[in-house]
Amino acid sequence: MRLFVSCQLSLSRRYNMAEIFLSIAVITYNQEKYIAQTLDSIIGQKHNYSFEIVVGDDCSTDGTKTVIADYAKRYPDKVKAIYNEHNIGVVANYYNVLSHCYGKYIMECAGDDWWLPGKVDEQITFMENHDDVGLCYGTALCYNDKNEYLNRSVGAKCSTFEELMTLNLIPAVTVCFKRELVKKYINEVNPVSLGWKMEDYPMWLWFSKNSKITYLSKSLACYRCADESVSNSKNIEKQFAFFKSTYDVQAYYAVKYGYVLKTFESDEMAKSLMFRTLLKSYDSEKAKEMRSELIKSHSFKDYIKSIIISNRLLAKIGSCFI
């Protein structure tokens, strides 16, 4: 499978792949205000492992590229900068960055999130002592765009395939996983070709069936609850598309592994979630219209069941993701 896209790869020297123990994948787009904090939190980790930071900038229109170039110049043996010539989107950018990672282990961090001290040493030590584990993760503290702590966190125990098919509670910024498994996942599933709107959730599902996932009950990183992102958008149609894609992923794995979905078909479940989102945003008129549509298309019992399911989902995910 061909993962590479048209990009410019800035390398200050010829990397010896055998030297790299840990790769950190950083994807960014128009995050000039935050990317320095992200990179500092990674570079400032105290450990003795050889590492590389692969930063993929998806054709930012602000000063993000300039900041990245400065770090690549200051840390030529650590920072590999990839500048996409055209905007290719989160998923394609993510997998293009992974295709440039050569460490035994891979961690990741979005260009507006950051790591807490001790993350690398904590997770690598755990992974080295638990060969049966393919991925480990922890919790992430929630902050707003002003670096103010929101007094909540994301991430909880959600390690089995059955649990993940109900809800994804794995914060991407906290994960550490084996590169050899990612290669198998990409070759087997070819995620970029499937049009999914999220890069991480489908991979977690695959990992849960092909290795062991372990939750570390520790705060490992900080997640920025941005006003506008793939999973958190003010645009109702974008939210609908994201929820729809979530259930498309679940439908794919239900077929792949012979799993019986315990929810409605993706379209109807997404409508229910969209209805709850409309209520949450106080768009009462649109919510009333959708409520009438749901009642007409389902029995009253199914309608109530859908609301209960979506209520649980919203409560577990928290406002960071809605």
C-alpha atoms as a PDB file:
ATOM      1  CA  MET A   1       0.000   0.000   0.000  1.00  0.00           C
ATOM      2  CA  ARG A   2       1.308   3.437  -0.904  1.00  0.00           C
ATOM      3  CA  LEU A   3       1.028   5.795   2.062  1.00  0.00           C
ATOM      4  CA  PHE A   4       3.208   8.650   0.960  1.00  0.00           C
ATOM      5  CA  VAL A   5       1.695  11.862  -0.357  1.00  0.00           C
ATOM      6  CA  SER A   6       3.248  14.807  -2.119  1.00  0.00           C
ATOM      7  CA  CYS A   7       5.338  16.503   0.524  1.00  0.00           C
ATOM      8  CA  GLN A   8       8.717  17.987   1.286  1.00  0.00           C
ATOM      9  CA  LEU A   9      10.739  16.066   3.858  1.00  0.00           C
ATOM     10  CA  SER A  10      13.275  18.196   5.694  1.00  0.00           C
ATOM     11  CA  LEU A  11      16.124  16.083   7.085  1.00  0.00           C
ATOM     12  CA  SER A  12      19.324  17.591   8.392  1.00  0.00           C
ATOM     13  CA  ARG A  13      21.179  14.267   8.186  1.00  0.00           C
ATOM     14  CA  ARG A  14      20.698  10.720   7.014  1.00  0.00           C
ATOM     15  CA  TYR A  15      18.798   8.940   9.775  1.00  0.00           C
ATOM     16  CA  ASN A  16      19.976   5.521  10.854  1.00  0.00           C
ATOM     17  CA  MET A  17      16.642   3.797  11.464  1.00  0.00           C
ATOM     18  CA  ALA A  18      18.257   1.159  13.668  1.00  0.00           C
ATOM     19  CA  GLU A  19      19.178   3.877  16.172  1.00  0.00           C
ATOM     20  CA  ILE A  20      15.610   5.036  16.785  1.00  0.00           C
ATOM     21  CA  PHE A  21      13.763   3.457  19.690  1.00  0.00           C
ATOM     22  CA  LEU A  22      10.786   5.825  19.929  1.00  0.00           C
ATOM     23  CA  SER A  23       8.975   7.845  17.267  1.00  0.00           C
ATOM     24  CA  ILE A  24       6.623  10.679  18.161  1.00  0.00           C
ATOM     25  CA  ALA A  25       4.037  11.519  15.517  1.00  0.00           C
ATOM     26  CA  VAL A  26       2.849  15.133  15.565  1.00  0.00           C
ATOM     27  CA  ILE A  27       0.207  16.324  13.117  1.00  0.00           C
ATOM     28  CA  THR A  28      -0.601  19.987  12.869  1.00  0.00           C
ATOM     29  CA  TYR A  29      -2.595  22.520  10.903  1.00  0.00           C
ATOM     30  CA  ASN A  30      -2.796  26.254  11.687  1.00  0.00           C
ATOM     31  CA  GLN A  31      -1.559  25.828  15.255  1.00  0.00           C
ATOM     32  CA  GLU A  32       1.057  28.555  15.354  1.00  0.00           C
ATOM     33  CA  LYS A  33       0.026  29.563  18.887  1.00  0.00           C
ATOM     34  CA  TYR A  34       0.439  26.079  20.341  1.00  0.00           C
ATOM     35  CA  ILE A  35       2.986  24.021  18.415  1.00  0.00           C
ATOM     36  CA  ALA A  36       5.996  25.342  20.378  1.00  0.00           C
ATOM     37  CA  GLN A  37       4.413  24.236  23.661  1.00  0.00           C
ATOM     38  CA  THR A  38       3.710  20.836  22.109  1.00  0.00           C
ATOM     39  CA  LEU A  39       7.286  20.320  20.924  1.00  0.00           C
ATOM     40  CA  ASP A  40       8.814  21.637  24.160  1.00  0.00           C
ATOM     41  CA  SER A  41       6.766  19.158  26.192  1.00  0.00           C
ATOM     42  CA  ILE A  42       8.111  16.300  24.063  1.00  0.00           C
ATOM     43  CA  ILE A  43      11.727  17.411  23.880  1.00  0.00           C
ATOM     44  CA  GLY A  44      11.746  18.158  27.611  1.00  0.00           C
ATOM     45  CA  GLN A  45      10.913  14.557  28.613  1.00  0.00           C
ATOM     46  CA  LYS A  46      13.568  12.966  30.844  1.00  0.00           C
ATOM     47  CA  HIS A  47      14.605   9.531  29.562  1.00  0.00           C
ATOM     48  CA  ASN A  48      17.504   7.697  27.943  1.00  0.00           C
ATOM     49  CA  TYR A  49      15.769   6.389  24.809  1.00  0.00           C
ATOM     50  CA  SER A  50      16.777   7.451  21.324  1.00  0.00           C
ATOM     51  CA  PHE A  51      13.862   9.220  19.695  1.00  0.00           C
ATOM     52  CA  GLU A  52      12.627  11.184  16.707  1.00  0.00           C
ATOM     53  CA  ILE A  53       9.782  13.682  16.399  1.00  0.00           C
ATOM     54  CA  VAL A  54       8.061  13.481  13.019  1.00  0.00           C
ATOM     55  CA  VAL A  55       5.995  16.625  12.481  1.00  0.00           C
ATOM     56  CA  GLY A  56       3.519  16.688   9.605  1.00  0.00           C
ATOM     57  CA  ASP A  57       2.200  20.150   8.757  1.00  0.00           C
ATOM     58  CA  ASP A  58      -0.861  19.961   6.528  1.00  0.00           C
ATOM     59  CA  CYS A  59      -0.191  23.093   4.476  1.00  0.00           C
ATOM     60  CA  SER A  60      -0.901  25.580   7.272  1.00  0.00           C
ATOM     61  CA  THR A  61      -1.795  29.127   6.242  1.00  0.00           C
ATOM     62  CA  ASP A  62      -0.496  30.778   9.421  1.00  0.00           C
ATOM     63  CA  GLY A  63       3.029  30.737  10.897  1.00  0.00           C
ATOM     64  CA  THR A  64       3.015  27.083  11.997  1.00  0.00           C
ATOM     65  CA  LYS A  65       5.541  26.041   9.361  1.00  0.00           C
ATOM     66  CA  THR A  66       7.987  28.752  10.479  1.00  0.00           C
ATOM     67  CA  VAL A  67       7.860  27.540  14.077  1.00  0.00           C
ATOM     68  CA  ILE A  68       8.401  23.929  13.008  1.00  0.00           C
ATOM     69  CA  ALA A  69      11.327  24.916  10.778  1.00  0.00           C
ATOM     70  CA  ASP A  70      12.940  26.705  13.734  1.00  0.00           C
ATOM     71  CA  TYR A  71      12.716  23.553  15.884  1.00  0.00           C
ATOM     72  CA  ALA A  72      14.066  21.396  13.046  1.00  0.00           C
ATOM     73  CA  LYS A  73      17.049  23.754  12.841  1.00  0.00           C
ATOM     74  CA  ARG A  74      17.602  23.807  16.612  1.00  0.00           C
ATOM     75  CA  TYR A  75      17.198  20.035  17.029  1.00  0.00           C
ATOM     76  CA  PRO A  76      18.473  18.564  13.738  1.00  0.00           C
ATOM     77  CA  ASP A  77      18.987  15.093  15.213  1.00  0.00           C
ATOM     78  CA  LYS A  78      15.464  14.936  16.648  1.00  0.00           C
ATOM     79  CA  VAL A  79      12.923  16.838  14.562  1.00  0.00           C
ATOM     80  CA  LYS A  80      11.896  15.612  11.102  1.00  0.00           C
ATOM     81  CA  ALA A  81       9.613  18.118   9.405  1.00  0.00           C
ATOM     82  CA  ILE A  82       7.164  17.177   6.667  1.00  0.00           C
ATOM     83  CA  TYR A  83       5.449  20.044   4.850  1.00  0.00           C
ATOM     84  CA  ASN A  84       2.512  18.921   2.715  1.00  0.00           C
ATOM     85  CA  GLU A  85       2.286  20.855  -0.525  1.00  0.00           C
ATOM     86  CA  HIS A  86      -1.511  20.621  -0.410  1.00  0.00           C
ATOM     87  CA  ASN A  87      -3.991  20.187   2.421  1.00  0.00           C
ATOM     88  CA  ILE A  88      -4.762  16.459   2.559  1.00  0.00           C
ATOM     89  CA  GLY A  89      -6.836  16.275   5.750  1.00  0.00           C
ATOM     90  CA  VAL A  90      -6.270  14.860   9.220  1.00  0.00           C
ATOM     91  CA  VAL A  91      -6.467  11.153   8.394  1.00  0.00           C
ATOM     92  CA  ALA A  92      -4.151  11.178   5.364  1.00  0.00           C
ATOM     93  CA  ASN A  93      -1.705  13.494   7.135  1.00  0.00           C
ATOM     94  CA  TYR A  94      -1.652  11.195  10.159  1.00  0.00           C
ATOM     95  CA  TYR A  95      -0.849   8.071   8.172  1.00  0.00           C
ATOM     96  CA  ASN A  96       1.708   9.878   6.070  1.00  0.00           C
ATOM     97  CA  VAL A  97       3.491  10.893   9.276  1.00  0.00           C
ATOM     98  CA  LEU A  98       3.344   7.302  10.559  1.00  0.00           C
ATOM     99  CA  SER A  99       4.963   6.117   7.335  1.00  0.00           C
ATOM    100  CA  HIS A 100       8.001   8.223   8.290  1.00  0.00           C
ATOM    101  CA  CYS A 101       8.229   6.788  11.831  1.00  0.00           C
ATOM    102  CA  TYR A 102      10.862   4.101  12.423  1.00  0.00           C
ATOM    103  CA  GLY A 103      10.944   3.552  16.174  1.00  0.00           C
ATOM    104  CA  LYS A 104      10.053   0.331  17.958  1.00  0.00           C
ATOM    105  CA  TYR A 105       7.331   2.311  19.712  1.00  0.00           C
ATOM    106  CA  ILE A 106       5.186   5.194  18.525  1.00  0.00           C
ATOM    107  CA  MET A 107       3.532   7.928  20.575  1.00  0.00           C
ATOM    108  CA  GLU A 108       1.532  10.850  19.235  1.00  0.00           C
ATOM    109  CA  CYS A 109       0.529  14.392  20.038  1.00  0.00           C
ATOM    110  CA  ALA A 110      -1.674  16.835  18.155  1.00  0.00           C
ATOM    111  CA  GLY A 111      -0.158  20.227  17.450  1.00  0.00           C
ATOM    112  CA  ASP A 112      -2.239  21.940  20.132  1.00  0.00           C
ATOM    113  CA  ASP A 113      -1.916  19.327  22.903  1.00  0.00           C
ATOM    114  CA  TRP A 114       1.053  18.657  25.172  1.00  0.00           C
ATOM    115  CA  TRP A 115       2.595  15.991  27.396  1.00  0.00           C
ATOM    116  CA  LEU A 116       3.087  15.920  31.140  1.00  0.00           C
ATOM    117  CA  PRO A 117       6.580  15.191  32.550  1.00  0.00           C
ATOM    118  CA  GLY A 118       7.469  11.520  32.860  1.00  0.00           C
ATOM    119  CA  LYS A 119       5.131  10.262  30.118  1.00  0.00           C
ATOM    120  CA  VAL A 120       7.792   8.627  27.961  1.00  0.00           C
ATOM    121  CA  ASP A 121       9.641   6.882  30.784  1.00  0.00           C
ATOM    122  CA  GLU A 122       6.393   5.674  32.378  1.00  0.00           C
ATOM    123  CA  GLN A 123       4.980   4.122  29.217  1.00  0.00           C
ATOM    124  CA  ILE A 124       8.151   2.709  27.692  1.00  0.00           C
ATOM    125  CA  THR A 125       9.042   1.032  30.987  1.00  0.00           C
ATOM    126  CA  PHE A 126       5.585  -0.514  31.090  1.00  0.00           C
ATOM    127  CA  MET A 127       5.668  -1.682  27.476  1.00  0.00           C
ATOM    128  CA  GLU A 128       9.119  -3.206  27.834  1.00  0.00           C
ATOM    129  CA  ASN A 129       7.908  -5.179  30.849  1.00  0.00           C
ATOM    130  CA  HIS A 130       4.666  -6.360  29.217  1.00  0.00           C
ATOM    131  CA  ASP A 131       5.438  -7.911  25.857  1.00  0.00           C
ATOM    132  CA  ASP A 132       1.829  -9.028  25.347  1.00  0.00           C
ATOM    133  CA  VAL A 133       0.593  -5.416  25.373  1.00  0.00           C
ATOM    134  CA  GLY A 134       0.350  -3.701  21.999  1.00  0.00           C
ATOM    135  CA  LEU A 135      -0.966  -0.366  23.249  1.00  0.00           C
ATOM    136  CA  CYS A 136      -1.151   1.425  26.578  1.00  0.00           C
ATOM    137  CA  TYR A 137      -2.759   4.751  27.433  1.00  0.00           C
ATOM    138  CA  GLY A 138      -3.839   6.966  30.326  1.00  0.00           C
ATOM    139  CA  THR A 139      -5.904  10.044  31.060  1.00  0.00           C
ATOM    140  CA  ALA A 140      -5.513  13.568  29.692  1.00  0.00           C
ATOM    141  CA  LEU A 141      -6.326  16.766  31.561  1.00  0.00           C
ATOM    142  CA  CYS A 142      -8.629  19.173  29.693  1.00  0.00           C
ATOM    143  CA  TYR A 143      -7.581  22.757  28.985  1.00  0.00           C
ATOM    144  CA  ASN A 144      -9.094  25.550  26.909  1.00  0.00           C
ATOM    145  CA  ASP A 145      -7.339  27.645  24.276  1.00  0.00           C
ATOM    146  CA  LYS A 146      -6.127  30.052  26.993  1.00  0.00           C
ATOM    147  CA  ASN A 147      -4.261  27.266  28.824  1.00  0.00           C
ATOM    148  CA  GLU A 148      -6.854  27.325  31.615  1.00  0.00           C
ATOM    149  CA  TYR A 149      -7.540  23.985  33.298  1.00  0.00           C
ATOM    150  CA  LEU A 150     -11.196  22.996  32.918  1.00  0.00           C
ATOM    151  CA  ASN A 151     -11.252  20.817  36.039  1.00  0.00           C
ATOM    152  CA  ARG A 152     -11.962  17.622  34.151  1.00  0.00           C
ATOM    153  CA  SER A 153     -10.134  14.910  32.284  1.00  0.00           C
ATOM    154  CA  VAL A 154     -10.738  12.422  29.492  1.00  0.00           C
ATOM    155  CA  GLY A 155      -9.770   8.780  29.400  1.00  0.00           C
ATOM    156  CA  ALA A 156     -10.958   5.750  31.335  1.00  0.00           C
ATOM    157  CA  LYS A 157     -10.683   1.976  31.212  1.00  0.00           C
ATOM    158  CA  CYS A 158     -11.926   0.864  27.806  1.00  0.00           C
ATOM    159  CA  SER A 159      -9.667  -1.945  26.673  1.00  0.00           C
ATOM    160  CA  THR A 160     -11.719  -4.699  25.057  1.00  0.00           C
ATOM    161  CA  PHE A 161     -13.260  -4.853  21.617  1.00  0.00           C
ATOM    162  CA  GLU A 162     -16.751  -4.978  23.109  1.00  0.00           C
ATOM    163  CA  GLU A 163     -16.109  -1.893  25.255  1.00  0.00           C
ATOM    164  CA  LEU A 164     -14.649   0.039  22.330  1.00  0.00           C
ATOM    165  CA  MET A 165     -17.567  -0.869  20.092  1.00  0.00           C
ATOM    166  CA  THR A 166     -19.772   0.919  22.618  1.00  0.00           C
ATOM    167  CA  LEU A 167     -17.564   3.906  23.326  1.00  0.00           C
ATOM    168  CA  ASN A 168     -14.031   5.139  22.669  1.00  0.00           C
ATOM    169  CA  LEU A 169     -12.418   6.375  25.873  1.00  0.00           C
ATOM    170  CA  ILE A 170      -8.798   6.271  24.680  1.00  0.00           C
ATOM    171  CA  PRO A 171      -7.284   9.774  24.349  1.00  0.00           C
ATOM    172  CA  ALA A 172      -4.889   9.687  21.400  1.00  0.00           C
ATOM    173  CA  VAL A 173      -2.479  12.101  23.080  1.00  0.00           C
ATOM    174  CA  THR A 174      -1.793   9.488  25.799  1.00  0.00           C
ATOM    175  CA  VAL A 175      -1.138   6.379  23.710  1.00  0.00           C
ATOM    176  CA  CYS A 176       2.021   4.354  23.207  1.00  0.00           C
ATOM    177  CA  PHE A 177       1.904   1.466  20.745  1.00  0.00           C
ATOM    178  CA  LYS A 178       4.130  -0.912  18.814  1.00  0.00           C
ATOM    179  CA  ARG A 179       5.097   0.136  15.308  1.00  0.00           C
ATOM    180  CA  GLU A 180       5.119  -3.462  14.031  1.00  0.00           C
ATOM    181  CA  LEU A 181       1.408  -3.733  14.828  1.00  0.00           C
ATOM    182  CA  VAL A 182       0.612  -0.452  13.064  1.00  0.00           C
ATOM    183  CA  LYS A 183       2.263  -1.796   9.913  1.00  0.00           C
ATOM    184  CA  LYS A 184       0.083  -4.919  10.061  1.00  0.00           C
ATOM    185  CA  TYR A 185      -3.029  -2.810  10.644  1.00  0.00           C
ATOM    186  CA  ILE A 186      -2.340  -0.567   7.656  1.00  0.00           C
ATOM    187  CA  ASN A 187      -1.631  -3.502   5.347  1.00  0.00           C
ATOM    188  CA  GLU A 188      -4.731  -5.389   6.472  1.00  0.00           C
ATOM    189  CA  VAL A 189      -7.315  -2.586   6.744  1.00  0.00           C
ATOM    190  CA  ASN A 190      -5.984   0.169   4.451  1.00  0.00           C
ATOM    191  CA  PRO A 191      -7.760   2.850   6.548  1.00  0.00           C
ATOM    192  CA  VAL A 192      -6.986   5.824   4.302  1.00  0.00           C
ATOM    193  CA  SER A 193      -8.987   4.252   1.475  1.00  0.00           C
ATOM    194  CA  LEU A 194     -12.139   3.829   3.568  1.00  0.00           C
ATOM    195  CA  GLY A 195     -13.056   7.494   3.955  1.00  0.00           C
ATOM    196  CA  TRP A 196     -13.314   7.450   7.749  1.00  0.00           C
ATOM    197  CA  LYS A 197     -13.209  10.861   9.440  1.00  0.00           C
ATOM    198  CA  MET A 198     -11.129   9.755  12.403  1.00  0.00           C
ATOM    199  CA  GLU A 199      -7.646   8.294  12.355  1.00  0.00           C
ATOM    200  CA  ASP A 200      -7.411   6.699  15.799  1.00  0.00           C
ATOM    201  CA  TYR A 201     -10.655   4.932  16.776  1.00  0.00           C
ATOM    202  CA  PRO A 202     -10.559   2.334  13.941  1.00  0.00           C
ATOM    203  CA  MET A 203      -6.980   1.495  14.874  1.00  0.00           C
ATOM    204  CA  TRP A 204      -7.838   1.025  18.554  1.00  0.00           C
ATOM    205  CA  LEU A 205     -10.554  -1.450  17.557  1.00  0.00           C
ATOM    206  CA  TRP A 206      -8.090  -3.435  15.467  1.00  0.00           C
ATOM    207  CA  PHE A 207      -5.508  -3.400  18.273  1.00  0.00           C
ATOM    208  CA  SER A 208      -8.090  -4.763  20.714  1.00  0.00           C
ATOM    209  CA  LYS A 209      -8.522  -7.836  18.502  1.00  0.00           C
ATOM    210  CA  ASN A 210      -4.877  -8.350  17.566  1.00  0.00           C
ATOM    211  CA  SER A 211      -3.041  -7.525  20.803  1.00  0.00           C
ATOM    212  CA  LYS A 212      -3.723  -6.388  24.346  1.00  0.00           C
ATOM    213  CA  ILE A 213      -4.676  -2.821  25.319  1.00  0.00           C
ATOM    214  CA  THR A 214      -3.891  -1.647  28.851  1.00  0.00           C
ATOM    215  CA  TYR A 215      -5.166   1.404  30.692  1.00  0.00           C
ATOM    216  CA  LEU A 216      -2.691   3.129  32.987  1.00  0.00           C
ATOM    217  CA  SER A 217      -4.609   5.020  35.637  1.00  0.00           C
ATOM    218  CA  LYS A 218      -2.379   8.096  35.361  1.00  0.00           C
ATOM    219  CA  SER A 219      -2.590  11.584  33.878  1.00  0.00           C
ATOM    220  CA  LEU A 220      -0.059  11.544  31.054  1.00  0.00           C
ATOM    221  CA  ALA A 221      -0.902  14.538  28.885  1.00  0.00           C
ATOM    222  CA  CYS A 222      -3.081  17.605  28.354  1.00  0.00           C
ATOM    223  CA  TYR A 223      -5.863  17.786  25.808  1.00  0.00           C
ATOM    224  CA  ARG A 224      -6.943  21.147  24.449  1.00  0.00           C
ATOM    225  CA  CYS A 225     -10.715  21.364  24.010  1.00  0.00           C
ATOM    226  CA  ALA A 226     -10.696  23.440  20.847  1.00  0.00           C
ATOM    227  CA  ASP A 227     -13.840  25.206  19.677  1.00  0.00           C
ATOM    228  CA  GLU A 228     -13.521  23.702  16.225  1.00  0.00           C
ATOM    229  CA  SER A 229     -12.078  20.289  15.407  1.00  0.00           C
ATOM    230  CA  VAL A 230     -13.039  17.118  13.583  1.00  0.00           C
ATOM    231  CA  SER A 231     -14.812  15.674  16.632  1.00  0.00           C
ATOM    232  CA  ASN A 232     -15.864  18.976  18.152  1.00  0.00           C
ATOM    233  CA  SER A 233     -17.509  21.342  15.716  1.00  0.00           C
ATOM    234  CA  LYS A 234     -20.152  24.024  16.030  1.00  0.00           C
ATOM    235  CA  ASN A 235     -21.383  23.007  12.599  1.00  0.00           C
ATOM    236  CA  ILE A 236     -24.267  20.566  13.079  1.00  0.00           C
ATOM    237  CA  GLU A 237     -23.719  18.930   9.691  1.00  0.00           C
ATOM    238  CA  LYS A 238     -20.057  18.286  10.520  1.00  0.00           C
ATOM    239  CA  GLN A 239     -21.067  16.761  13.841  1.00  0.00           C
ATOM    240  CA  PHE A 240     -23.573  14.558  12.050  1.00  0.00           C
ATOM    241  CA  ALA A 241     -20.903  13.443   9.567  1.00  0.00           C
ATOM    242  CA  PHE A 242     -18.484  12.599  12.394  1.00  0.00           C
ATOM    243  CA  PHE A 243     -21.074  10.568  14.313  1.00  0.00           C
ATOM    244  CA  LYS A 244     -22.106   8.836  11.092  1.00  0.00           C
ATOM    245  CA  SER A 245     -18.475   7.935  10.387  1.00  0.00           C
ATOM    246  CA  THR A 246     -18.131   6.500  13.906  1.00  0.00           C
ATOM    247  CA  TYR A 247     -20.902   4.034  13.220  1.00  0.00           C
ATOM    248  CA  ASP A 248     -19.570   3.289   9.758  1.00  0.00           C
ATOM    249  CA  VAL A 249     -16.383   2.191  11.516  1.00  0.00           C
ATOM    250  CA  GLN A 250     -18.367   0.040  13.914  1.00  0.00           C
ATOM    251  CA  ALA A 251     -20.327  -1.523  11.064  1.00  0.00           C
ATOM    252  CA  TYR A 252     -17.041  -2.385   9.300  1.00  0.00           C
ATOM    253  CA  TYR A 253     -15.666  -4.168  12.349  1.00  0.00           C
ATOM    254  CA  ALA A 254     -18.972  -5.848  13.106  1.00  0.00           C
ATOM    255  CA  VAL A 255     -18.766  -7.522   9.687  1.00  0.00           C
ATOM    256  CA  LYS A 256     -15.028  -8.169   9.927  1.00  0.00           C
ATOM    257  CA  TYR A 257     -15.202  -9.927  13.282  1.00  0.00           C
ATOM    258  CA  GLY A 258     -18.745 -11.283  13.224  1.00  0.00           C
ATOM    259  CA  TYR A 259     -19.953  -8.965  15.973  1.00  0.00           C
ATOM    260  CA  VAL A 260     -23.648  -8.152  16.422  1.00  0.00           C
ATOM    261  CA  LEU A 261     -24.118  -4.405  16.878  1.00  0.00           C
ATOM    262  CA  LYS A 262     -26.215  -3.545  19.901  1.00  0.00           C
ATOM    263  CA  THR A 263     -27.291  -0.140  18.589  1.00  0.00           C
ATOM    264  CA  PHE A 264     -29.416   1.035  15.692  1.00  0.00           C
ATOM    265  CA  GLU A 265     -28.107   1.337  12.176  1.00  0.00           C
ATOM    266  CA  SER A 266     -25.621   4.168  11.790  1.00  0.00           C
ATOM    267  CA  ASP A 267     -27.987   6.683  10.148  1.00  0.00           C
ATOM    268  CA  GLU A 268     -30.623   6.457  12.866  1.00  0.00           C
ATOM    269  CA  MET A 269     -28.150   6.457  15.745  1.00  0.00           C
ATOM    270  CA  ALA A 270     -26.378   9.460  14.288  1.00  0.00           C
ATOM    271  CA  LYS A 271     -29.727  11.240  14.024  1.00  0.00           C
ATOM    272  CA  SER A 272     -30.377  10.550  17.689  1.00  0.00           C
ATOM    273  CA  LEU A 273     -26.963  11.902  18.668  1.00  0.00           C
ATOM    274  CA  MET A 274     -27.501  14.908  16.447  1.00  0.00           C
ATOM    275  CA  PHE A 275     -30.842  15.527  18.172  1.00  0.00           C
ATOM    276  CA  ARG A 276     -29.136  15.543  21.563  1.00  0.00           C
ATOM    277  CA  THR A 277     -26.482  17.905  20.244  1.00  0.00           C
ATOM    278  CA  LEU A 278     -29.150  20.279  18.997  1.00  0.00           C
ATOM    279  CA  LEU A 279     -30.743  20.329  22.434  1.00  0.00           C
ATOM    280  CA  LYS A 280     -27.330  20.898  24.012  1.00  0.00           C
ATOM    281  CA  SER A 281     -26.759  23.900  21.755  1.00  0.00           C
ATOM    282  CA  TYR A 282     -30.261  25.203  22.503  1.00  0.00           C
ATOM    283  CA  ASP A 283     -31.361  25.057  18.872  1.00  0.00           C
ATOM    284  CA  SER A 284     -34.814  24.041  20.035  1.00  0.00           C
ATOM    285  CA  GLU A 285     -36.687  24.479  16.748  1.00  0.00           C
ATOM    286  CA  LYS A 286     -34.405  22.150  14.815  1.00  0.00           C
ATOM    287  CA  ALA A 287     -34.462  19.741  17.747  1.00  0.00           C
ATOM    288  CA  LYS A 288     -38.267  19.631  17.695  1.00  0.00           C
ATOM    289  CA  GLU A 289     -38.261  18.890  13.971  1.00  0.00           C
ATOM    290  CA  MET A 290     -35.777  16.066  14.419  1.00  0.00           C
ATOM    291  CA  ARG A 291     -37.688  14.672  17.412  1.00  0.00           C
ATOM    292  CA  SER A 292     -40.838  14.455  15.286  1.00  0.00           C
ATOM    293  CA  GLU A 293     -38.925  12.700  12.537  1.00  0.00           C
ATOM    294  CA  LEU A 294     -37.473  10.170  14.978  1.00  0.00           C
ATOM    295  CA  ILE A 295     -40.863   9.413  16.507  1.00  0.00           C
ATOM    296  CA  LYS A 296     -42.336   8.836  13.048  1.00  0.00           C
ATOM    297  CA  SER A 297     -39.532   6.556  11.931  1.00  0.00           C
ATOM    298  CA  HIS A 298     -39.373   4.427  15.104  1.00  0.00           C
ATOM    299  CA  SER A 299     -41.672   3.031  17.712  1.00  0.00           C
ATOM    300  CA  PHE A 300     -41.882   5.139  20.840  1.00  0.00           C
ATOM    301  CA  LYS A 301     -39.928   2.453  22.739  1.00  0.00           C
ATOM    302  CA  ASP A 302     -37.065   2.549  20.233  1.00  0.00           C
ATOM    303  CA  TYR A 303     -37.076   6.336  20.318  1.00  0.00           C
ATOM    304  CA  ILE A 304     -36.705   6.391  24.119  1.00  0.00           C
ATOM    305  CA  LYS A 305     -34.012   3.730  23.907  1.00  0.00           C
ATOM    306  CA  SER A 306     -32.037   5.805  21.419  1.00  0.00           C
ATOM    307  CA  ILE A 307     -32.186   8.826  23.720  1.00  0.00           C
ATOM    308  CA  ILE A 308     -30.988   6.755  26.689  1.00  0.00           C
ATOM    309  CA  ILE A 309     -28.069   5.393  24.659  1.00  0.00           C
ATOM    310  CA  SER A 310     -27.058   8.814  23.377  1.00  0.00           C
ATOM    311  CA  ASN A 311     -27.426  10.336  26.870  1.00  0.00           C
ATOM    312  CA  ARG A 312     -24.982   7.771  28.219  1.00  0.00           C
ATOM    313  CA  LEU A 313     -22.611   8.458  25.354  1.00  0.00           C
ATOM    314  CA  LEU A 314     -22.672  12.211  25.927  1.00  0.00           C
ATOM    315  CA  ALA A 315     -22.192  11.788  29.675  1.00  0.00           C
ATOM    316  CA  LYS A 316     -19.160   9.533  29.218  1.00  0.00           C
ATOM    317  CA  ILE A 317     -17.532  11.532  26.448  1.00  0.00           C
ATOM    318  CA  GLY A 318     -17.974  14.885  28.181  1.00  0.00           C
ATOM    319  CA  SER A 319     -18.282  18.322  26.634  1.00  0.00           C
ATOM    320  CA  CYS A 320     -14.724  18.240  25.276  1.00  0.00           C
ATOM    321  CA  PHE A 321     -15.907  16.051  22.420  1.00  0.00           C
ATOM    322  CA  ILE A 322     -19.364  17.489  21.788  1.00  0.00           C
END
